[in-house]
Amino acid sequence: KNKSSKRNESGQIVETKPKWRLLMMTVSKDHREIICVPPSGNVNGHAIRLHPKEKLKESLVNCTEVILSRLTAEVCSSVFVITAVGSLEDVTLRLANASKSEGADETNCIKRWSNKRFEIVSLVGTFSRGGSCHLHISLSDAEGKMIGGHLIEGTVFTTVEIVLGSADGVEFARSFDKETGYSELIPKQIHTDEKWLKKKCSCF
């Protein structure tokens, strides 16, 4: 807990509300290190099933907006994929050699499989308020060969069963990163009240 002070209109020095910092200490043989505790909160699960011909990414963004519309921004602004299983057809991915560097041609980094069916092996990602998201997917074809990358879009073939999670007290903000050329995730702790922070700090 760090106390701070300032002068009021009369010139008197008054203490302001204590500023709390969430810190965790790790100790090794050679040195002691202070690490900021990452934003965290209780997780709630949200189960959905997508039907044939539905768009995977579009449907997930829509579901996320519904989930977050039931929660105020002061309670939760974060959604993420816990698990997913199902099949897709007509898949478009951005592959690993994508670049936003000056002069780079990204058109050859995006590939579409329009007449091929896949089983979803894994799906991971995060969602923010306003429809922004970052999703990666791994897929297996009829011969068991794998492809994967950044999900641009995919069409449900038979079914996709998904469990999304939301973390109370956490916001997934995004901001443009000049180094990568993309809008990158900035996890934030929403709760700032002293009582909540005292409870959080008592865990360490």
N, C-alpha and C. Protein backbone atom coordinates (compact mmCIF):
# COMPACT_ATOMS: atom_id res chain seq x y z
N LYS A 1 0.86 -1.18 0.00
CA LYS A 1 0.00 0.00 0.00
C LYS A 1 0.89 1.23 0.00
N ASN A 2 0.66 2.14 -0.92
CA ASN A 2 1.45 3.36 -1.02
C ASN A 2 0.57 4.57 -0.78
N LYS A 3 0.86 5.34 0.29
CA LYS A 3 0.09 6.55 0.57
C LYS A 3 0.68 7.70 -0.23
N SER A 4 -0.19 8.56 -0.71
CA SER A 4 0.27 9.75 -1.41
C SER A 4 -0.45 10.95 -0.83
N SER A 5 0.06 12.15 -1.11
CA SER A 5 -0.55 13.36 -0.56
C SER A 5 -0.53 14.46 -1.60
N LYS A 6 -1.38 15.48 -1.37
CA LYS A 6 -1.42 16.64 -2.24
C LYS A 6 -1.93 17.84 -1.45
N ARG A 7 -1.79 19.01 -2.00
CA ARG A 7 -2.26 20.22 -1.33
C ARG A 7 -3.68 20.54 -1.80
N ASN A 8 -4.53 20.96 -0.82
CA ASN A 8 -5.89 21.37 -1.18
C ASN A 8 -5.90 22.84 -1.57
N GLU A 9 -7.10 23.39 -1.78
CA GLU A 9 -7.20 24.78 -2.24
C GLU A 9 -6.64 25.77 -1.23
N SER A 10 -6.62 25.39 0.05
CA SER A 10 -6.10 26.28 1.10
C SER A 10 -4.59 26.13 1.28
N GLY A 11 -3.99 25.24 0.53
CA GLY A 11 -2.55 25.04 0.64
C GLY A 11 -2.16 24.02 1.67
N GLN A 12 -3.15 23.38 2.33
CA GLN A 12 -2.85 22.37 3.33
C GLN A 12 -2.55 21.03 2.66
N ILE A 13 -1.61 20.30 3.25
CA ILE A 13 -1.26 18.98 2.72
C ILE A 13 -2.24 17.95 3.27
N VAL A 14 -2.89 17.23 2.37
CA VAL A 14 -3.85 16.19 2.78
C VAL A 14 -3.48 14.87 2.13
N GLU A 15 -3.75 13.78 2.86
CA GLU A 15 -3.47 12.45 2.31
C GLU A 15 -4.58 12.06 1.34
N THR A 16 -4.18 11.51 0.24
CA THR A 16 -5.14 11.01 -0.73
C THR A 16 -5.39 9.53 -0.47
N LYS A 17 -6.33 8.97 -1.19
CA LYS A 17 -6.67 7.56 -1.01
C LYS A 17 -5.45 6.69 -1.31
N PRO A 18 -5.17 5.69 -0.49
CA PRO A 18 -4.00 4.84 -0.73
C PRO A 18 -4.06 4.17 -2.09
N LYS A 19 -2.89 4.07 -2.70
CA LYS A 19 -2.80 3.38 -3.98
C LYS A 19 -2.32 1.95 -3.72
N TRP A 20 -3.06 1.01 -4.25
CA TRP A 20 -2.71 -0.40 -4.03
C TRP A 20 -2.07 -0.97 -5.27
N ARG A 21 -1.02 -1.72 -5.08
CA ARG A 21 -0.37 -2.42 -6.18
C ARG A 21 -0.37 -3.91 -5.86
N LEU A 22 -0.78 -4.70 -6.86
CA LEU A 22 -0.79 -6.14 -6.68
C LEU A 22 0.59 -6.69 -7.04
N LEU A 23 1.29 -7.22 -6.05
CA LEU A 23 2.64 -7.71 -6.28
C LEU A 23 2.82 -9.12 -5.74
N MET A 24 3.65 -9.89 -6.41
CA MET A 24 3.98 -11.22 -5.95
C MET A 24 5.51 -11.32 -5.92
N MET A 25 6.06 -11.90 -4.87
CA MET A 25 7.51 -11.97 -4.73
C MET A 25 7.98 -13.41 -4.91
N THR A 26 9.01 -13.59 -5.73
CA THR A 26 9.64 -14.89 -5.89
C THR A 26 11.08 -14.78 -5.44
N VAL A 27 11.59 -15.80 -4.77
CA VAL A 27 12.94 -15.76 -4.23
C VAL A 27 13.75 -16.92 -4.79
N SER A 28 14.94 -16.66 -5.29
CA SER A 28 15.85 -17.70 -5.77
C SER A 28 17.14 -17.61 -4.96
N LYS A 29 18.08 -18.49 -5.24
CA LYS A 29 19.34 -18.51 -4.51
C LYS A 29 20.12 -17.21 -4.72
N ASP A 30 20.08 -16.70 -5.94
CA ASP A 30 20.94 -15.57 -6.28
C ASP A 30 20.30 -14.20 -6.11
N HIS A 31 18.99 -14.11 -6.30
CA HIS A 31 18.39 -12.79 -6.24
C HIS A 31 16.92 -12.88 -5.88
N ARG A 32 16.37 -11.74 -5.56
CA ARG A 32 14.96 -11.61 -5.25
C ARG A 32 14.31 -10.79 -6.35
N GLU A 33 13.14 -11.23 -6.78
CA GLU A 33 12.50 -10.60 -7.93
C GLU A 33 11.06 -10.22 -7.61
N ILE A 34 10.66 -9.03 -8.00
CA ILE A 34 9.29 -8.57 -7.82
C ILE A 34 8.56 -8.67 -9.16
N ILE A 35 7.42 -9.34 -9.16
CA ILE A 35 6.65 -9.54 -10.39
C ILE A 35 5.23 -9.03 -10.18
N CYS A 36 4.72 -8.25 -11.13
CA CYS A 36 3.33 -7.80 -11.06
C CYS A 36 2.40 -8.98 -11.30
N VAL A 37 1.37 -9.09 -10.47
CA VAL A 37 0.39 -10.17 -10.63
C VAL A 37 -0.49 -9.86 -11.84
N PRO A 38 -0.67 -10.79 -12.76
CA PRO A 38 -1.51 -10.53 -13.94
C PRO A 38 -2.97 -10.41 -13.56
N PRO A 39 -3.75 -9.70 -14.36
CA PRO A 39 -5.19 -9.58 -14.10
C PRO A 39 -5.84 -10.95 -13.99
N SER A 40 -6.73 -11.11 -13.02
CA SER A 40 -7.36 -12.41 -12.82
C SER A 40 -8.73 -12.23 -12.19
N GLY A 41 -9.56 -13.29 -12.28
CA GLY A 41 -10.89 -13.25 -11.71
C GLY A 41 -11.59 -14.58 -11.86
N ASN A 42 -12.74 -14.72 -11.22
CA ASN A 42 -13.51 -15.94 -11.31
C ASN A 42 -14.01 -16.15 -12.74
N VAL A 43 -13.96 -17.42 -13.19
CA VAL A 43 -14.32 -17.74 -14.57
C VAL A 43 -15.73 -18.34 -14.63
N ASN A 44 -16.49 -17.89 -15.62
CA ASN A 44 -17.81 -18.43 -15.89
C ASN A 44 -17.81 -19.06 -17.27
N GLY A 45 -18.51 -20.21 -17.41
CA GLY A 45 -18.56 -20.91 -18.69
C GLY A 45 -19.86 -20.64 -19.44
N HIS A 46 -19.76 -20.60 -20.78
CA HIS A 46 -20.92 -20.35 -21.64
C HIS A 46 -20.87 -21.35 -22.79
N ALA A 47 -21.83 -22.28 -22.84
CA ALA A 47 -21.82 -23.36 -23.82
C ALA A 47 -22.74 -23.04 -24.99
N ILE A 48 -22.22 -23.26 -26.20
CA ILE A 48 -23.02 -23.03 -27.40
C ILE A 48 -22.78 -24.14 -28.42
N ARG A 49 -23.70 -24.29 -29.34
CA ARG A 49 -23.53 -25.22 -30.46
C ARG A 49 -23.88 -24.51 -31.75
N LEU A 50 -22.99 -24.60 -32.74
CA LEU A 50 -23.24 -24.01 -34.05
C LEU A 50 -23.72 -25.09 -35.01
N HIS A 51 -24.56 -24.69 -35.97
CA HIS A 51 -25.20 -25.63 -36.89
C HIS A 51 -24.60 -25.54 -38.29
N PRO A 52 -24.89 -26.52 -39.14
CA PRO A 52 -24.34 -26.52 -40.51
C PRO A 52 -24.59 -25.20 -41.24
N LYS A 53 -23.56 -24.77 -41.98
CA LYS A 53 -23.57 -23.57 -42.82
C LYS A 53 -23.41 -22.27 -42.03
N GLU A 54 -23.39 -22.31 -40.71
CA GLU A 54 -23.12 -21.10 -39.93
C GLU A 54 -21.64 -20.74 -40.04
N LYS A 55 -21.33 -19.45 -39.98
CA LYS A 55 -19.95 -18.98 -40.04
C LYS A 55 -19.35 -19.01 -38.64
N LEU A 56 -18.21 -19.66 -38.51
CA LEU A 56 -17.61 -19.89 -37.19
C LEU A 56 -17.21 -18.58 -36.51
N LYS A 57 -16.35 -17.80 -37.13
CA LYS A 57 -15.85 -16.58 -36.49
C LYS A 57 -16.97 -15.58 -36.26
N GLU A 58 -17.80 -15.37 -37.26
CA GLU A 58 -18.91 -14.43 -37.14
C GLU A 58 -19.84 -14.84 -36.00
N SER A 59 -20.13 -16.15 -35.90
CA SER A 59 -21.03 -16.64 -34.85
C SER A 59 -20.42 -16.46 -33.47
N LEU A 60 -19.10 -16.70 -33.35
CA LEU A 60 -18.43 -16.54 -32.06
C LEU A 60 -18.43 -15.08 -31.62
N VAL A 61 -18.18 -14.18 -32.55
CA VAL A 61 -18.20 -12.75 -32.22
C VAL A 61 -19.60 -12.34 -31.76
N ASN A 62 -20.62 -12.83 -32.47
CA ASN A 62 -22.00 -12.51 -32.09
C ASN A 62 -22.35 -13.06 -30.71
N CYS A 63 -21.91 -14.30 -30.43
CA CYS A 63 -22.17 -14.90 -29.11
C CYS A 63 -21.47 -14.12 -28.01
N THR A 64 -20.25 -13.68 -28.31
CA THR A 64 -19.48 -12.90 -27.33
C THR A 64 -20.19 -11.59 -27.01
N GLU A 65 -20.72 -10.95 -28.02
CA GLU A 65 -21.43 -9.69 -27.81
C GLU A 65 -22.67 -9.91 -26.94
N VAL A 66 -23.35 -11.05 -27.12
CA VAL A 66 -24.50 -11.37 -26.28
C VAL A 66 -24.07 -11.59 -24.83
N ILE A 67 -22.99 -12.35 -24.64
CA ILE A 67 -22.48 -12.62 -23.30
C ILE A 67 -22.12 -11.31 -22.59
N LEU A 68 -21.38 -10.44 -23.28
CA LEU A 68 -20.92 -9.20 -22.66
C LEU A 68 -22.06 -8.18 -22.49
N SER A 69 -23.10 -8.29 -23.32
CA SER A 69 -24.24 -7.37 -23.18
C SER A 69 -25.00 -7.61 -21.89
N ARG A 70 -24.84 -8.80 -21.31
CA ARG A 70 -25.51 -9.14 -20.06
C ARG A 70 -24.68 -8.74 -18.85
N LEU A 71 -23.46 -8.23 -19.10
CA LEU A 71 -22.54 -7.84 -18.03
C LEU A 71 -22.11 -6.40 -18.25
N THR A 72 -22.04 -5.62 -17.20
CA THR A 72 -21.55 -4.26 -17.35
C THR A 72 -20.04 -4.28 -17.52
N ALA A 73 -19.52 -3.22 -18.11
CA ALA A 73 -18.08 -3.12 -18.33
C ALA A 73 -17.30 -3.10 -17.03
N GLU A 74 -17.96 -2.72 -15.93
CA GLU A 74 -17.31 -2.71 -14.62
C GLU A 74 -17.22 -4.10 -14.01
N VAL A 75 -17.96 -5.04 -14.56
CA VAL A 75 -17.96 -6.41 -14.04
C VAL A 75 -17.04 -7.32 -14.86
N CYS A 76 -17.17 -7.25 -16.18
CA CYS A 76 -16.38 -8.14 -17.04
C CYS A 76 -16.31 -7.60 -18.46
N SER A 77 -15.15 -7.64 -19.06
CA SER A 77 -14.96 -7.26 -20.46
C SER A 77 -13.96 -8.20 -21.12
N SER A 78 -14.08 -9.48 -20.82
CA SER A 78 -13.14 -10.46 -21.38
C SER A 78 -13.85 -11.77 -21.67
N VAL A 79 -13.62 -12.32 -22.84
CA VAL A 79 -14.14 -13.64 -23.21
C VAL A 79 -13.02 -14.39 -23.92
N PHE A 80 -12.97 -15.70 -23.71
CA PHE A 80 -11.93 -16.51 -24.34
C PHE A 80 -12.48 -17.91 -24.62
N VAL A 81 -11.83 -18.63 -25.49
CA VAL A 81 -12.24 -19.99 -25.84
C VAL A 81 -11.66 -20.97 -24.83
N ILE A 82 -12.54 -21.77 -24.22
CA ILE A 82 -12.08 -22.83 -23.31
C ILE A 82 -11.85 -24.12 -24.09
N THR A 83 -12.83 -24.53 -24.88
CA THR A 83 -12.68 -25.74 -25.67
C THR A 83 -13.62 -25.69 -26.86
N ALA A 84 -13.30 -26.46 -27.90
CA ALA A 84 -14.15 -26.52 -29.09
C ALA A 84 -13.91 -27.84 -29.81
N VAL A 85 -14.97 -28.39 -30.40
CA VAL A 85 -14.88 -29.62 -31.18
C VAL A 85 -15.93 -29.55 -32.28
N GLY A 86 -15.62 -30.11 -33.43
CA GLY A 86 -16.58 -30.09 -34.53
C GLY A 86 -15.88 -30.18 -35.87
N SER A 87 -16.60 -29.80 -36.93
CA SER A 87 -16.05 -29.91 -38.29
C SER A 87 -16.38 -28.66 -39.10
N LEU A 88 -15.49 -28.37 -40.06
CA LEU A 88 -15.63 -27.19 -40.91
C LEU A 88 -15.46 -27.53 -42.38
N GLU A 89 -15.95 -26.64 -43.23
CA GLU A 89 -15.67 -26.66 -44.64
C GLU A 89 -15.50 -25.21 -45.09
N ASP A 90 -14.86 -25.03 -46.23
CA ASP A 90 -14.60 -23.69 -46.74
C ASP A 90 -13.92 -22.82 -45.69
N VAL A 91 -12.65 -23.10 -45.45
CA VAL A 91 -11.87 -22.44 -44.39
C VAL A 91 -10.86 -21.47 -44.99
N THR A 92 -10.72 -20.31 -44.37
CA THR A 92 -9.71 -19.33 -44.77
C THR A 92 -8.85 -18.99 -43.57
N LEU A 93 -7.51 -19.12 -43.74
CA LEU A 93 -6.55 -18.87 -42.66
C LEU A 93 -5.49 -17.87 -43.12
N ARG A 94 -4.97 -17.11 -42.15
CA ARG A 94 -3.76 -16.34 -42.40
C ARG A 94 -2.61 -17.15 -41.83
N LEU A 95 -1.63 -17.45 -42.65
CA LEU A 95 -0.56 -18.36 -42.26
C LEU A 95 0.56 -17.65 -41.52
N ALA A 96 1.51 -18.45 -41.03
CA ALA A 96 2.51 -17.96 -40.08
C ALA A 96 3.50 -16.97 -40.67
N ASN A 97 3.62 -16.88 -41.99
CA ASN A 97 4.60 -15.94 -42.57
C ASN A 97 4.00 -14.57 -42.82
N ALA A 98 2.81 -14.32 -42.26
CA ALA A 98 2.18 -13.01 -42.42
C ALA A 98 3.06 -11.93 -41.80
N SER A 99 3.11 -10.76 -42.44
CA SER A 99 3.94 -9.68 -41.94
C SER A 99 3.26 -8.34 -42.20
N LYS A 100 3.41 -7.42 -41.25
CA LYS A 100 2.89 -6.06 -41.41
C LYS A 100 4.04 -5.07 -41.62
N SER A 101 5.23 -5.59 -41.89
CA SER A 101 6.38 -4.71 -42.08
C SER A 101 6.21 -3.92 -43.38
N GLU A 102 6.89 -2.80 -43.45
CA GLU A 102 6.75 -1.90 -44.59
C GLU A 102 7.16 -2.60 -45.88
N GLY A 103 6.28 -2.53 -46.87
CA GLY A 103 6.59 -3.13 -48.16
C GLY A 103 6.22 -4.59 -48.28
N ALA A 104 5.74 -5.22 -47.20
CA ALA A 104 5.40 -6.64 -47.25
C ALA A 104 4.07 -6.85 -47.98
N ASP A 105 4.01 -7.92 -48.76
CA ASP A 105 2.79 -8.29 -49.46
C ASP A 105 2.12 -9.42 -48.70
N GLU A 106 0.99 -9.10 -48.03
CA GLU A 106 0.35 -10.09 -47.17
C GLU A 106 -0.65 -10.97 -47.92
N THR A 107 -0.92 -10.66 -49.19
CA THR A 107 -1.94 -11.41 -49.93
C THR A 107 -1.57 -12.89 -50.07
N ASN A 108 -0.28 -13.20 -50.17
CA ASN A 108 0.14 -14.59 -50.33
C ASN A 108 0.16 -15.33 -48.99
N CYS A 109 -0.13 -14.63 -47.88
CA CYS A 109 -0.13 -15.26 -46.57
C CYS A 109 -1.52 -15.78 -46.19
N ILE A 110 -2.52 -15.40 -46.96
CA ILE A 110 -3.89 -15.84 -46.69
C ILE A 110 -4.28 -16.92 -47.68
N LYS A 111 -4.75 -18.06 -47.16
CA LYS A 111 -5.09 -19.19 -48.02
C LYS A 111 -6.48 -19.71 -47.70
N ARG A 112 -7.20 -20.07 -48.75
CA ARG A 112 -8.57 -20.58 -48.60
C ARG A 112 -8.66 -22.01 -49.12
N TRP A 113 -9.32 -22.85 -48.34
CA TRP A 113 -9.64 -24.23 -48.75
C TRP A 113 -11.16 -24.28 -48.93
N SER A 114 -11.63 -24.04 -50.14
CA SER A 114 -13.06 -23.85 -50.38
C SER A 114 -13.83 -25.15 -50.55
N ASN A 115 -13.17 -26.21 -50.95
CA ASN A 115 -13.87 -27.48 -51.20
C ASN A 115 -13.25 -28.62 -50.41
N LYS A 116 -12.98 -28.36 -49.13
CA LYS A 116 -12.34 -29.37 -48.31
C LYS A 116 -12.94 -29.35 -46.92
N ARG A 117 -13.07 -30.56 -46.33
CA ARG A 117 -13.66 -30.68 -45.01
C ARG A 117 -12.59 -31.01 -43.97
N PHE A 118 -12.77 -30.44 -42.79
CA PHE A 118 -11.78 -30.60 -41.72
C PHE A 118 -12.45 -30.89 -40.39
N GLU A 119 -11.72 -31.60 -39.54
CA GLU A 119 -12.09 -31.75 -38.14
C GLU A 119 -11.32 -30.71 -37.32
N ILE A 120 -12.00 -30.05 -36.38
CA ILE A 120 -11.31 -29.10 -35.51
C ILE A 120 -10.51 -29.85 -34.46
N VAL A 121 -9.22 -29.66 -34.45
CA VAL A 121 -8.35 -30.28 -33.44
C VAL A 121 -8.20 -29.34 -32.24
N SER A 122 -8.07 -28.06 -32.51
CA SER A 122 -8.01 -27.08 -31.42
C SER A 122 -8.46 -25.72 -31.93
N LEU A 123 -9.00 -24.93 -31.01
CA LEU A 123 -9.39 -23.55 -31.30
C LEU A 123 -9.11 -22.73 -30.06
N VAL A 124 -8.31 -21.70 -30.21
CA VAL A 124 -7.94 -20.85 -29.06
C VAL A 124 -8.11 -19.39 -29.46
N GLY A 125 -8.34 -18.55 -28.46
CA GLY A 125 -8.42 -17.13 -28.78
C GLY A 125 -9.07 -16.29 -27.71
N THR A 126 -9.05 -14.98 -27.93
CA THR A 126 -9.60 -14.01 -26.99
C THR A 126 -10.53 -13.05 -27.73
N PHE A 127 -11.51 -12.52 -26.97
CA PHE A 127 -12.49 -11.58 -27.52
C PHE A 127 -12.57 -10.35 -26.62
N SER A 128 -12.78 -9.20 -27.24
CA SER A 128 -12.95 -7.95 -26.51
C SER A 128 -14.29 -7.33 -26.86
N ARG A 129 -14.70 -6.36 -26.07
CA ARG A 129 -15.92 -5.62 -26.40
C ARG A 129 -15.74 -4.89 -27.73
N GLY A 130 -16.84 -4.77 -28.47
CA GLY A 130 -16.76 -4.08 -29.75
C GLY A 130 -16.51 -4.99 -30.93
N GLY A 131 -16.41 -6.32 -30.67
CA GLY A 131 -16.29 -7.27 -31.77
C GLY A 131 -14.88 -7.66 -32.16
N SER A 132 -13.86 -7.09 -31.52
CA SER A 132 -12.49 -7.47 -31.87
C SER A 132 -12.13 -8.81 -31.24
N CYS A 133 -11.32 -9.59 -31.95
CA CYS A 133 -10.92 -10.91 -31.45
C CYS A 133 -9.61 -11.34 -32.09
N HIS A 134 -9.04 -12.39 -31.54
CA HIS A 134 -7.81 -12.99 -32.06
C HIS A 134 -7.95 -14.50 -31.90
N LEU A 135 -8.10 -15.21 -33.02
CA LEU A 135 -8.39 -16.64 -32.99
C LEU A 135 -7.38 -17.42 -33.83
N HIS A 136 -6.88 -18.51 -33.26
CA HIS A 136 -6.04 -19.46 -33.99
C HIS A 136 -6.72 -20.83 -33.96
N ILE A 137 -6.56 -21.58 -35.06
CA ILE A 137 -7.23 -22.87 -35.17
C ILE A 137 -6.30 -23.91 -35.80
N SER A 138 -6.42 -25.15 -35.34
CA SER A 138 -5.72 -26.29 -35.94
C SER A 138 -6.77 -27.24 -36.49
N LEU A 139 -6.53 -27.72 -37.72
CA LEU A 139 -7.51 -28.56 -38.41
C LEU A 139 -6.84 -29.80 -38.99
N SER A 140 -7.61 -30.89 -39.05
CA SER A 140 -7.12 -32.14 -39.61
C SER A 140 -7.98 -32.53 -40.81
N ASP A 141 -7.34 -32.92 -41.94
CA ASP A 141 -8.11 -33.29 -43.14
C ASP A 141 -8.42 -34.78 -43.15
N ALA A 142 -8.93 -35.27 -44.27
CA ALA A 142 -9.38 -36.66 -44.38
C ALA A 142 -8.24 -37.67 -44.22
N GLU A 143 -7.01 -37.22 -44.44
CA GLU A 143 -5.85 -38.10 -44.29
C GLU A 143 -5.12 -37.88 -42.98
N GLY A 144 -5.67 -37.06 -42.13
CA GLY A 144 -5.04 -36.78 -40.84
C GLY A 144 -3.95 -35.73 -40.89
N LYS A 145 -3.79 -35.10 -42.04
CA LYS A 145 -2.78 -34.05 -42.17
C LYS A 145 -3.30 -32.76 -41.54
N MET A 146 -2.37 -32.04 -40.92
CA MET A 146 -2.75 -30.85 -40.13
C MET A 146 -2.43 -29.56 -40.88
N ILE A 147 -3.32 -28.59 -40.69
CA ILE A 147 -3.03 -27.22 -41.08
C ILE A 147 -3.45 -26.33 -39.91
N GLY A 148 -2.96 -25.12 -39.87
CA GLY A 148 -3.34 -24.23 -38.78
C GLY A 148 -2.89 -22.82 -39.05
N GLY A 149 -3.51 -21.89 -38.35
CA GLY A 149 -3.13 -20.49 -38.50
C GLY A 149 -4.17 -19.58 -37.88
N HIS A 150 -4.09 -18.32 -38.23
CA HIS A 150 -5.02 -17.30 -37.74
C HIS A 150 -6.34 -17.47 -38.49
N LEU A 151 -7.43 -17.65 -37.75
CA LEU A 151 -8.72 -17.89 -38.38
C LEU A 151 -9.29 -16.61 -38.99
N ILE A 152 -9.46 -16.62 -40.31
CA ILE A 152 -10.16 -15.54 -41.00
C ILE A 152 -11.65 -15.86 -41.02
N GLU A 153 -12.00 -17.09 -41.41
CA GLU A 153 -13.39 -17.55 -41.36
C GLU A 153 -13.46 -19.02 -41.74
N GLY A 154 -14.53 -19.65 -41.35
CA GLY A 154 -14.79 -21.05 -41.68
C GLY A 154 -16.27 -21.33 -41.59
N THR A 155 -16.75 -22.25 -42.40
CA THR A 155 -18.17 -22.60 -42.41
C THR A 155 -18.36 -23.94 -41.70
N VAL A 156 -19.34 -24.01 -40.82
CA VAL A 156 -19.62 -25.25 -40.08
C VAL A 156 -20.11 -26.32 -41.05
N PHE A 157 -19.54 -27.52 -40.96
CA PHE A 157 -19.97 -28.63 -41.81
C PHE A 157 -21.10 -29.42 -41.14
N THR A 158 -20.82 -30.07 -40.02
CA THR A 158 -21.87 -30.80 -39.30
C THR A 158 -22.27 -30.09 -38.01
N THR A 159 -21.28 -29.80 -37.19
CA THR A 159 -21.55 -29.15 -35.90
C THR A 159 -20.26 -28.57 -35.35
N VAL A 160 -20.38 -27.56 -34.50
CA VAL A 160 -19.25 -27.09 -33.70
C VAL A 160 -19.78 -26.84 -32.29
N GLU A 161 -19.19 -27.56 -31.33
CA GLU A 161 -19.58 -27.43 -29.92
C GLU A 161 -18.49 -26.63 -29.21
N ILE A 162 -18.88 -25.54 -28.58
CA ILE A 162 -17.89 -24.61 -28.03
C ILE A 162 -18.27 -24.23 -26.60
N VAL A 163 -17.26 -24.12 -25.75
CA VAL A 163 -17.44 -23.53 -24.42
C VAL A 163 -16.56 -22.29 -24.36
N LEU A 164 -17.21 -21.14 -24.17
CA LEU A 164 -16.50 -19.88 -23.98
C LEU A 164 -16.41 -19.56 -22.50
N GLY A 165 -15.38 -18.85 -22.11
CA GLY A 165 -15.22 -18.43 -20.72
C GLY A 165 -15.16 -16.93 -20.62
N SER A 166 -15.61 -16.40 -19.48
CA SER A 166 -15.45 -14.98 -19.17
C SER A 166 -14.85 -14.86 -17.78
N ALA A 167 -13.98 -13.88 -17.59
CA ALA A 167 -13.29 -13.70 -16.31
C ALA A 167 -13.78 -12.43 -15.64
N ASP A 168 -14.42 -12.57 -14.49
CA ASP A 168 -14.91 -11.41 -13.75
C ASP A 168 -13.75 -10.49 -13.36
N GLY A 169 -13.95 -9.20 -13.50
CA GLY A 169 -12.93 -8.23 -13.09
C GLY A 169 -11.77 -8.07 -14.05
N VAL A 170 -11.91 -8.64 -15.27
CA VAL A 170 -10.81 -8.56 -16.25
C VAL A 170 -11.32 -7.94 -17.54
N GLU A 171 -10.52 -7.06 -18.10
CA GLU A 171 -10.83 -6.46 -19.39
C GLU A 171 -9.76 -6.84 -20.41
N PHE A 172 -10.18 -7.27 -21.59
CA PHE A 172 -9.27 -7.50 -22.71
C PHE A 172 -9.33 -6.28 -23.62
N ALA A 173 -8.50 -5.29 -23.31
CA ALA A 173 -8.41 -4.11 -24.16
C ALA A 173 -7.44 -4.40 -25.30
N ARG A 174 -7.51 -3.60 -26.35
CA ARG A 174 -6.59 -3.77 -27.47
C ARG A 174 -6.09 -2.40 -27.93
N SER A 175 -4.83 -2.38 -28.34
CA SER A 175 -4.23 -1.13 -28.78
C SER A 175 -3.24 -1.43 -29.90
N PHE A 176 -3.15 -0.50 -30.84
CA PHE A 176 -2.23 -0.69 -31.96
C PHE A 176 -0.79 -0.72 -31.47
N ASP A 177 -0.05 -1.73 -31.92
CA ASP A 177 1.36 -1.90 -31.55
C ASP A 177 2.22 -1.59 -32.76
N LYS A 178 3.01 -0.50 -32.68
CA LYS A 178 3.84 -0.11 -33.82
C LYS A 178 4.89 -1.16 -34.16
N GLU A 179 5.31 -1.92 -33.17
CA GLU A 179 6.35 -2.92 -33.40
C GLU A 179 5.85 -4.10 -34.24
N THR A 180 4.58 -4.53 -34.01
CA THR A 180 4.04 -5.68 -34.74
C THR A 180 3.16 -5.26 -35.93
N GLY A 181 2.61 -4.05 -35.85
CA GLY A 181 1.71 -3.61 -36.91
C GLY A 181 0.28 -4.07 -36.73
N TYR A 182 0.00 -4.69 -35.58
CA TYR A 182 -1.34 -5.20 -35.30
C TYR A 182 -1.90 -4.58 -34.02
N SER A 183 -3.20 -4.71 -33.85
CA SER A 183 -3.84 -4.31 -32.60
C SER A 183 -3.65 -5.45 -31.60
N GLU A 184 -2.89 -5.22 -30.54
CA GLU A 184 -2.50 -6.28 -29.62
C GLU A 184 -3.26 -6.20 -28.29
N LEU A 185 -3.33 -7.34 -27.62
CA LEU A 185 -4.07 -7.46 -26.36
C LEU A 185 -3.37 -6.74 -25.21
N ILE A 186 -4.18 -6.03 -24.42
CA ILE A 186 -3.71 -5.42 -23.18
C ILE A 186 -4.66 -5.87 -22.06
N PRO A 187 -4.30 -6.92 -21.31
CA PRO A 187 -5.17 -7.37 -20.21
C PRO A 187 -5.15 -6.35 -19.08
N LYS A 188 -6.33 -6.02 -18.54
CA LYS A 188 -6.42 -5.05 -17.46
C LYS A 188 -7.29 -5.59 -16.32
N GLN A 189 -6.94 -5.22 -15.09
CA GLN A 189 -7.78 -5.52 -13.93
C GLN A 189 -8.80 -4.42 -13.80
N ILE A 190 -10.09 -4.77 -13.80
CA ILE A 190 -11.14 -3.76 -13.75
C ILE A 190 -11.32 -3.21 -12.35
N HIS A 191 -11.37 -4.10 -11.32
CA HIS A 191 -11.68 -3.67 -9.96
C HIS A 191 -10.57 -2.78 -9.41
N THR A 192 -10.96 -1.65 -8.83
CA THR A 192 -9.99 -0.74 -8.22
C THR A 192 -10.36 -0.38 -6.79
N ASP A 193 -11.49 -0.92 -6.30
CA ASP A 193 -11.88 -0.58 -4.93
C ASP A 193 -10.94 -1.21 -3.92
N GLU A 194 -10.68 -0.50 -2.84
CA GLU A 194 -9.68 -0.91 -1.85
C GLU A 194 -10.02 -2.24 -1.21
N LYS A 195 -11.30 -2.48 -0.93
CA LYS A 195 -11.71 -3.72 -0.28
C LYS A 195 -11.38 -4.92 -1.14
N TRP A 196 -11.65 -4.80 -2.44
CA TRP A 196 -11.37 -5.92 -3.35
C TRP A 196 -9.87 -6.17 -3.45
N LEU A 197 -9.09 -5.09 -3.51
CA LEU A 197 -7.64 -5.24 -3.63
C LEU A 197 -7.04 -5.87 -2.38
N LYS A 198 -7.55 -5.51 -1.20
CA LYS A 198 -7.05 -6.11 0.04
C LYS A 198 -7.27 -7.62 0.02
N LYS A 199 -8.47 -8.02 -0.44
CA LYS A 199 -8.79 -9.44 -0.52
C LYS A 199 -7.87 -10.13 -1.51
N LYS A 200 -7.57 -9.48 -2.64
CA LYS A 200 -6.69 -10.05 -3.66
C LYS A 200 -5.28 -10.22 -3.12
N CYS A 201 -4.79 -9.19 -2.44
CA CYS A 201 -3.43 -9.24 -1.92
C CYS A 201 -3.26 -10.31 -0.84
N SER A 202 -4.32 -10.61 -0.11
CA SER A 202 -4.24 -11.57 0.98
C SER A 202 -4.00 -12.99 0.46
N CYS A 203 -4.16 -13.18 -0.86
CA CYS A 203 -3.97 -14.52 -1.43
C CYS A 203 -2.49 -14.87 -1.54
N PHE A 204 -1.59 -13.89 -1.36
CA PHE A 204 -0.16 -14.14 -1.58
C PHE A 204 0.64 -13.97 -0.29
